[in-house]
Amino acid sequence: MTRYVLSRDNLRILMNLMRVKQDILVANKSKFLRLLGDLKIDNEDDQFEPDKAQVMKEISALEPKE
């Protein structure tokens, strides 16, 4: 799974899906949050954890459109 999320192509697909239609993101919100929560990186990137926390906060705040 780590290889999947670290793939540039897969990340590009996910980002395009989030940009085009947030309904997919809202419907799978708990899965995305679980995936991001478990995501760790091997190198030392001081900005990774704060960025990840911000993304998780934004995803958590999403609500379905009525």
Protein backbone atom coordinates (compact mmCIF):
# COMPACT_ATOMS: atom_id res chain seq x y z
CA MET A 1 0.00 0.00 0.00
CA THR A 2 2.87 2.36 0.75
CA ARG A 3 4.20 1.87 -2.76
CA TYR A 4 0.75 2.74 -4.10
CA VAL A 5 0.44 6.03 -2.24
CA LEU A 6 4.04 6.98 -2.97
CA SER A 7 3.51 6.53 -6.70
CA ARG A 8 3.34 9.85 -8.51
CA ASP A 9 0.79 8.54 -10.99
CA ASN A 10 -1.52 7.25 -8.27
CA LEU A 11 -1.19 10.47 -6.31
CA ARG A 12 -2.02 12.45 -9.45
CA ILE A 13 -5.15 10.36 -10.00
CA LEU A 14 -6.29 10.84 -6.41
CA MET A 15 -5.64 14.57 -6.50
CA ASN A 16 -7.60 14.91 -9.75
CA LEU A 17 -10.49 12.97 -8.28
CA MET A 18 -10.52 15.24 -5.24
CA ARG A 19 -10.38 18.36 -7.38
CA VAL A 20 -13.05 17.36 -9.86
CA LYS A 21 -15.62 15.82 -7.56
CA GLN A 22 -15.41 15.91 -3.79
CA ASP A 23 -18.32 13.47 -3.48
CA ILE A 24 -15.84 10.60 -3.88
CA LEU A 25 -13.70 12.03 -1.10
CA VAL A 26 -16.68 12.55 1.20
CA ALA A 27 -18.02 9.05 0.56
CA ASN A 28 -14.62 7.52 1.38
CA LYS A 29 -13.63 10.00 4.07
CA SER A 30 -13.04 7.42 6.82
CA LYS A 31 -10.91 5.27 4.51
CA PHE A 32 -8.77 8.24 3.47
CA LEU A 33 -8.32 9.32 7.08
CA ARG A 34 -7.32 5.80 8.12
CA LEU A 35 -4.87 5.57 5.21
CA LEU A 36 -3.33 8.96 5.98
CA GLY A 37 -3.20 8.22 9.70
CA ASP A 38 -1.13 5.10 9.04
CA LEU A 39 1.10 6.78 6.45
CA LYS A 40 4.72 7.17 7.50
CA ILE A 41 7.73 8.22 5.43
CA ASP A 42 11.25 6.88 5.62
CA ASN A 43 13.17 10.11 5.11
CA GLU A 44 13.30 13.01 7.52
CA ASP A 45 10.90 15.65 6.28
CA ASP A 46 9.99 18.08 9.04
CA GLN A 47 7.04 19.44 7.09
CA PHE A 48 5.41 16.07 6.33
CA GLU A 49 3.58 15.55 9.63
CA PRO A 50 2.16 19.11 9.80
CA ASP A 51 1.05 18.87 6.17
CA LYS A 52 -0.52 15.46 6.78
CA ALA A 53 -2.34 16.81 9.84
CA GLN A 54 -3.71 19.73 7.81
CA VAL A 55 -4.94 17.45 5.03
CA MET A 56 -6.59 15.17 7.58
CA LYS A 57 -8.26 18.18 9.23
CA GLU A 58 -9.61 19.38 5.87
CA ILE A 59 -10.91 15.92 4.95
CA SER A 60 -12.52 15.53 8.38
CA ALA A 61 -14.40 18.79 7.90
CA LEU A 62 -15.93 17.78 4.56
CA GLU A 63 -19.68 17.29 4.57
CA PRO A 64 -21.91 15.78 1.87
CA LYS A 65 -23.55 18.23 -0.51
CA GLU A 66 -27.30 18.49 -0.24
